[in-house]
N, C-alpha and C. Protein backbone atom coordinates (compact mmCIF):
# COMPACT_ATOMS: atom_id res chain seq x y z
N MET A 1 -132.55 -45.96 58.18
CA MET A 1 -133.09 -45.68 56.93
C MET A 1 -134.69 -45.99 57.23
N THR A 2 -135.40 -45.13 56.68
CA THR A 2 -136.62 -45.19 56.77
C THR A 2 -137.25 -45.22 55.03
N THR A 3 -138.24 -46.52 55.13
CA THR A 3 -138.55 -46.82 53.71
C THR A 3 -140.22 -46.52 53.88
N GLU A 4 -140.41 -45.65 52.93
CA GLU A 4 -141.84 -45.14 52.99
C GLU A 4 -142.89 -46.03 52.20
N VAL A 5 -143.95 -46.46 52.45
CA VAL A 5 -144.73 -47.29 51.53
C VAL A 5 -145.76 -46.49 50.99
N ILE A 6 -145.88 -46.73 49.60
CA ILE A 6 -146.72 -45.99 48.58
C ILE A 6 -147.74 -46.92 48.27
N GLN A 7 -148.97 -46.49 49.02
CA GLN A 7 -150.19 -47.44 48.27
C GLN A 7 -150.58 -46.88 46.96
N THR A 8 -150.93 -47.92 46.09
CA THR A 8 -151.26 -47.55 44.75
C THR A 8 -152.79 -48.37 44.62
N HIS A 9 -153.44 -48.23 43.59
CA HIS A 9 -154.71 -48.74 42.99
C HIS A 9 -154.76 -48.51 41.74
N LYS A 10 -154.50 -49.46 40.87
CA LYS A 10 -154.89 -49.43 39.53
C LYS A 10 -153.67 -48.44 38.84
N GLY A 11 -152.50 -48.69 39.67
CA GLY A 11 -151.62 -47.69 38.73
C GLY A 11 -151.79 -46.37 39.48
N ARG A 12 -152.77 -45.73 40.29
CA ARG A 12 -152.58 -44.74 40.88
C ARG A 12 -152.29 -44.38 42.15
N THR A 13 -152.02 -43.30 42.70
CA THR A 13 -151.34 -43.21 44.00
C THR A 13 -152.42 -42.01 44.60
N SER A 14 -153.41 -42.11 43.94
CA SER A 14 -154.75 -41.10 44.50
C SER A 14 -156.16 -41.87 44.51
N TYR A 15 -156.39 -41.84 45.34
CA TYR A 15 -157.96 -42.74 44.99
C TYR A 15 -158.48 -42.64 46.11
N PHE A 16 -160.09 -43.34 45.23
CA PHE A 16 -161.02 -43.71 46.88
C PHE A 16 -161.45 -45.10 46.44
N ASP A 17 -161.36 -45.78 47.60
CA ASP A 17 -161.63 -46.99 47.58
C ASP A 17 -162.90 -47.72 48.05
N GLY A 18 -163.72 -46.94 48.30
CA GLY A 18 -165.15 -47.54 49.05
C GLY A 18 -166.14 -47.84 48.03
N GLY A 19 -167.16 -48.43 48.27
CA GLY A 19 -168.21 -49.10 47.41
C GLY A 19 -169.73 -48.24 47.70
N LEU A 20 -170.18 -48.42 46.64
CA LEU A 20 -171.71 -47.81 46.44
C LEU A 20 -172.78 -48.12 47.45
N ALA A 21 -172.49 -49.61 47.17
CA ALA A 21 -173.70 -50.28 48.44
C ALA A 21 -173.20 -49.66 49.87
N GLN A 22 -171.96 -49.51 50.31
CA GLN A 22 -171.21 -49.21 51.67
C GLN A 22 -172.08 -47.53 51.68
N TYR A 23 -171.86 -46.60 50.74
CA TYR A 23 -172.41 -45.47 50.59
C TYR A 23 -173.55 -45.12 50.74
N ILE A 24 -174.37 -46.10 49.87
CA ILE A 24 -176.04 -45.72 50.33
C ILE A 24 -176.28 -46.51 51.65
N GLY A 25 -175.37 -47.61 52.01
CA GLY A 25 -176.20 -47.63 53.50
C GLY A 25 -175.95 -47.04 54.53
N TRP A 26 -174.61 -46.07 54.52
CA TRP A 26 -174.42 -45.48 55.65
C TRP A 26 -175.17 -44.10 55.79
N SER A 27 -175.63 -43.83 54.30
CA SER A 27 -176.40 -42.49 54.31
C SER A 27 -178.02 -42.79 54.36
N ILE A 28 -178.09 -43.88 54.20
CA ILE A 28 -179.45 -44.73 54.74
C ILE A 28 -179.64 -44.21 56.90
N LEU A 29 -178.49 -45.23 57.12
CA LEU A 29 -178.46 -45.30 58.48
C LEU A 29 -178.72 -43.57 58.84
N GLY A 30 -177.63 -43.03 58.60
CA GLY A 30 -177.60 -41.53 58.90
C GLY A 30 -178.49 -40.86 58.73
N PHE A 31 -179.34 -41.15 57.47
CA PHE A 31 -180.86 -40.24 57.69
C PHE A 31 -182.17 -40.67 58.65
N LEU A 32 -181.88 -42.09 58.55
CA LEU A 32 -182.91 -42.74 59.64
C LEU A 32 -182.43 -42.15 61.10
N VAL A 33 -181.48 -42.12 61.46
CA VAL A 33 -181.27 -41.97 62.86
C VAL A 33 -181.31 -40.37 62.65
N THR A 34 -180.94 -39.25 62.16
CA THR A 34 -181.17 -38.27 62.35
C THR A 34 -183.05 -37.93 62.30
N VAL A 35 -183.73 -38.19 61.62
CA VAL A 35 -185.25 -38.35 61.51
C VAL A 35 -185.80 -39.17 62.75
N CYS A 36 -185.21 -39.98 62.81
CA CYS A 36 -185.99 -41.10 64.26
C CYS A 36 -185.13 -39.75 65.59
N THR A 37 -184.51 -39.37 65.74
CA THR A 37 -184.14 -38.86 66.97
C THR A 37 -184.62 -36.79 66.66
N LEU A 38 -185.41 -36.94 65.29
CA LEU A 38 -185.48 -35.05 65.19
C LEU A 38 -184.27 -34.23 65.28
N GLY A 39 -183.62 -34.51 64.58
CA GLY A 39 -182.30 -33.89 64.38
C GLY A 39 -181.09 -34.07 65.49
N VAL A 40 -181.56 -34.43 66.48
CA VAL A 40 -180.51 -34.51 67.87
C VAL A 40 -179.23 -35.31 67.09
N CYS A 41 -179.17 -36.23 66.79
CA CYS A 41 -178.31 -36.86 66.45
C CYS A 41 -177.36 -36.50 65.12
N PHE A 42 -177.80 -35.54 64.07
CA PHE A 42 -177.40 -34.85 62.85
C PHE A 42 -175.95 -35.08 63.20
N PRO A 43 -175.22 -34.62 64.07
CA PRO A 43 -173.55 -34.64 64.36
C PRO A 43 -173.11 -36.11 64.15
N TRP A 44 -174.08 -36.81 64.63
CA TRP A 44 -173.39 -38.40 64.76
C TRP A 44 -173.49 -39.07 63.25
N ALA A 45 -174.50 -38.58 62.67
CA ALA A 45 -174.83 -38.64 61.41
C ALA A 45 -173.36 -38.58 60.54
N VAL A 46 -173.60 -36.87 60.42
CA VAL A 46 -172.23 -36.59 59.70
C VAL A 46 -171.27 -37.05 60.09
N THR A 47 -170.87 -36.82 61.23
CA THR A 47 -169.11 -37.86 61.60
C THR A 47 -169.25 -39.22 60.93
N MET A 48 -170.16 -40.17 61.25
CA MET A 48 -170.28 -41.24 60.64
C MET A 48 -170.20 -41.50 59.48
N ILE A 49 -170.81 -40.41 58.41
CA ILE A 49 -170.68 -40.72 57.27
C ILE A 49 -169.30 -40.01 56.83
N TYR A 50 -168.86 -39.30 57.00
CA TYR A 50 -167.83 -38.13 56.72
C TYR A 50 -166.34 -39.23 57.14
N ARG A 51 -166.51 -40.14 58.18
CA ARG A 51 -165.71 -41.02 58.90
C ARG A 51 -165.44 -42.24 57.48
N TRP A 52 -166.39 -42.74 56.92
CA TRP A 52 -166.42 -43.86 56.08
C TRP A 52 -165.49 -42.97 55.06
N LYS A 53 -166.11 -41.99 54.33
CA LYS A 53 -165.45 -41.18 52.84
C LYS A 53 -164.05 -40.90 53.41
N ILE A 54 -163.65 -40.23 53.82
CA ILE A 54 -161.96 -40.11 54.61
C ILE A 54 -161.30 -41.30 54.77
N ASN A 55 -162.00 -42.43 55.84
CA ASN A 55 -161.36 -43.50 55.57
C ASN A 55 -160.92 -44.32 54.30
N HIS A 56 -161.49 -44.01 53.57
CA HIS A 56 -161.52 -45.13 52.30
C HIS A 56 -161.02 -44.09 51.01
N THR A 57 -160.19 -43.07 51.53
CA THR A 57 -159.34 -42.09 50.60
C THR A 57 -157.91 -42.04 51.01
N VAL A 58 -157.43 -42.43 49.85
CA VAL A 58 -156.02 -42.04 49.65
C VAL A 58 -155.13 -41.08 48.80
N ILE A 59 -154.18 -40.36 49.31
CA ILE A 59 -153.59 -39.20 48.64
C ILE A 59 -152.38 -39.26 48.42
N GLU A 60 -151.89 -39.58 47.10
CA GLU A 60 -150.57 -39.60 46.80
C GLU A 60 -150.10 -40.74 47.63
N GLY A 61 -150.64 -41.65 47.56
CA GLY A 61 -150.19 -42.61 48.30
C GLY A 61 -150.39 -43.20 50.03
N LYS A 62 -150.87 -41.78 50.57
CA LYS A 62 -151.05 -42.03 51.96
C LYS A 62 -152.38 -42.00 52.21
N ARG A 63 -152.93 -43.09 52.98
CA ARG A 63 -154.30 -43.22 53.24
C ARG A 63 -154.91 -42.41 54.64
N MET A 64 -155.86 -41.51 54.25
CA MET A 64 -156.32 -40.68 55.19
C MET A 64 -157.22 -40.99 56.60
N ASN A 65 -157.41 -40.26 57.61
CA ASN A 65 -158.09 -40.70 58.53
C ASN A 65 -158.51 -39.78 59.18
N PHE A 66 -159.98 -39.93 59.74
CA PHE A 66 -160.58 -38.93 60.52
C PHE A 66 -160.71 -39.31 61.75
N ASN A 67 -160.36 -38.33 63.13
CA ASN A 67 -160.37 -38.77 63.92
C ASN A 67 -161.31 -37.68 64.80
N GLY A 68 -162.59 -37.24 64.83
CA GLY A 68 -163.41 -36.30 65.24
C GLY A 68 -164.45 -37.02 65.74
N SER A 69 -165.29 -36.87 66.50
CA SER A 69 -166.22 -37.30 66.95
C SER A 69 -167.50 -36.59 67.12
N ALA A 70 -168.84 -37.35 67.31
CA ALA A 70 -170.04 -36.76 67.40
C ALA A 70 -169.63 -35.88 68.70
N ILE A 71 -169.60 -36.23 69.47
CA ILE A 71 -169.74 -35.37 71.26
C ILE A 71 -169.25 -34.13 70.59
N GLY A 72 -167.47 -34.01 69.72
CA GLY A 72 -167.22 -33.01 69.87
C GLY A 72 -167.63 -32.11 68.53
N LEU A 73 -168.60 -32.74 67.89
CA LEU A 73 -168.95 -31.56 66.67
C LEU A 73 -170.69 -31.48 67.86
N PHE A 74 -170.86 -32.28 68.08
CA PHE A 74 -172.24 -31.56 68.84
C PHE A 74 -172.37 -30.14 69.71
N GLY A 75 -171.33 -30.01 70.52
CA GLY A 75 -171.01 -28.81 70.95
C GLY A 75 -170.90 -27.32 70.12
N ASN A 76 -170.28 -27.94 69.19
CA ASN A 76 -170.21 -26.79 68.00
C ASN A 76 -171.39 -26.46 67.44
N TRP A 77 -172.24 -28.04 67.12
CA TRP A 77 -173.46 -27.75 66.57
C TRP A 77 -174.26 -26.85 67.19
N ILE A 78 -174.38 -27.13 68.35
CA ILE A 78 -175.31 -26.41 69.17
C ILE A 78 -174.94 -24.97 69.35
N LYS A 79 -173.57 -24.77 69.23
CA LYS A 79 -173.30 -22.77 69.59
C LYS A 79 -173.70 -22.36 67.90
N TRP A 80 -173.30 -23.13 67.22
CA TRP A 80 -173.67 -22.79 65.80
C TRP A 80 -175.54 -22.59 65.55
N TRP A 81 -176.20 -23.66 66.01
CA TRP A 81 -177.45 -23.26 65.92
C TRP A 81 -177.90 -21.94 66.67
N ILE A 82 -177.56 -21.90 68.04
CA ILE A 82 -177.84 -20.64 68.82
C ILE A 82 -177.55 -19.30 67.80
N LEU A 83 -175.98 -19.24 67.36
CA LEU A 83 -175.84 -17.96 66.91
C LEU A 83 -176.54 -17.81 65.55
N THR A 84 -176.87 -19.02 64.87
CA THR A 84 -178.06 -18.53 63.94
C THR A 84 -179.37 -18.12 64.28
N VAL A 85 -179.92 -18.86 65.57
CA VAL A 85 -180.94 -18.21 65.70
C VAL A 85 -181.16 -16.67 65.87
N ILE A 86 -179.97 -16.41 67.26
CA ILE A 86 -179.89 -15.21 67.57
C ILE A 86 -179.74 -13.97 66.32
N THR A 87 -178.96 -14.44 65.32
CA THR A 87 -178.84 -13.52 64.34
C THR A 87 -180.27 -13.59 63.07
N ILE A 88 -180.83 -14.30 63.47
CA ILE A 88 -182.23 -14.46 62.60
C ILE A 88 -181.63 -15.27 60.94
N GLY A 89 -180.98 -16.28 61.59
CA GLY A 89 -180.29 -17.07 60.19
C GLY A 89 -179.20 -16.66 59.76
N ILE A 90 -178.67 -15.47 59.72
CA ILE A 90 -177.29 -14.72 59.27
C ILE A 90 -176.42 -15.63 59.37
N TYR A 91 -176.02 -16.08 60.28
CA TYR A 91 -175.00 -17.01 60.73
C TYR A 91 -174.83 -18.24 60.27
N GLY A 92 -176.17 -18.66 59.54
CA GLY A 92 -176.36 -19.93 59.12
C GLY A 92 -175.89 -19.62 57.93
N PHE A 93 -175.15 -18.88 57.01
CA PHE A 93 -174.49 -18.63 56.03
C PHE A 93 -173.31 -19.37 56.10
N TRP A 94 -172.48 -18.98 57.80
CA TRP A 94 -171.09 -19.31 57.63
C TRP A 94 -171.01 -21.13 58.40
N VAL A 95 -172.35 -21.48 58.58
CA VAL A 95 -172.17 -22.97 59.54
C VAL A 95 -171.78 -23.89 58.52
N PHE A 96 -171.64 -23.96 57.31
CA PHE A 96 -171.13 -24.90 56.11
C PHE A 96 -169.86 -24.57 56.32
N ILE A 97 -169.11 -23.44 56.46
CA ILE A 97 -167.54 -23.14 56.22
C ILE A 97 -167.29 -23.56 57.60
N LYS A 98 -167.60 -23.49 58.49
CA LYS A 98 -167.41 -23.97 60.22
C LYS A 98 -167.11 -25.25 60.07
N LEU A 99 -168.46 -25.72 59.79
CA LEU A 99 -168.15 -27.58 59.44
C LEU A 99 -166.67 -28.04 58.67
N GLU A 100 -166.96 -27.32 57.47
CA GLU A 100 -165.64 -27.77 56.80
C GLU A 100 -164.37 -27.76 57.55
N ASP A 101 -164.21 -26.25 58.33
CA ASP A 101 -163.17 -26.25 58.72
C ASP A 101 -163.10 -27.17 59.69
N TRP A 102 -164.09 -27.79 60.49
CA TRP A 102 -163.83 -28.92 61.91
C TRP A 102 -163.45 -30.16 61.17
N LYS A 103 -164.09 -30.58 60.11
CA LYS A 103 -163.78 -31.68 59.25
C LYS A 103 -162.46 -32.28 59.11
N ALA A 104 -161.76 -30.64 58.71
CA ALA A 104 -159.99 -30.63 58.41
C ALA A 104 -159.60 -30.74 59.44
N LYS A 105 -159.80 -29.84 60.83
CA LYS A 105 -159.41 -29.92 61.71
C LYS A 105 -159.24 -31.45 61.95
N HIS A 106 -159.80 -32.37 61.87
CA HIS A 106 -159.85 -33.82 62.43
C HIS A 106 -159.32 -34.55 61.44
N THR A 107 -158.72 -34.41 60.30
CA THR A 107 -158.56 -35.16 59.05
C THR A 107 -157.08 -34.98 59.14
N THR A 108 -156.44 -36.45 59.21
CA THR A 108 -154.67 -36.43 58.94
C THR A 108 -154.41 -37.77 57.79
N PHE A 109 -153.12 -37.56 57.72
CA PHE A 109 -152.70 -38.93 57.21
C PHE A 109 -152.81 -40.22 57.97
N MET A 110 -152.74 -41.34 57.76
CA MET A 110 -152.29 -42.34 58.70
C MET A 110 -150.90 -42.86 58.80
N ASN A 111 -150.41 -42.74 57.37
CA ASN A 111 -149.17 -43.38 57.40
C ASN A 111 -148.61 -42.20 56.49
């Protein structure tokens, strides 16, 4: 017999438990890393901030987990950048969708 533990917060089964100070700190760090590396480490900033958001999210009592890596995103980011340059910016419209798909691919439930 398996027992499923459902996490709750203030009587809700779906919630976000991250704090504003943490969000501001991660956002500033991501911005500084991106600016100081002239955008080269942008994939690292994206994965760092997204990991914080997802790891603080609980949906219907199940905590979410992000297992993507900056290295994994970096390869895609280079490919998307090259395709955007080759198509004179047209592929750039799809980059947001591709990034969201990549994030979803690397997001799971912990429990």
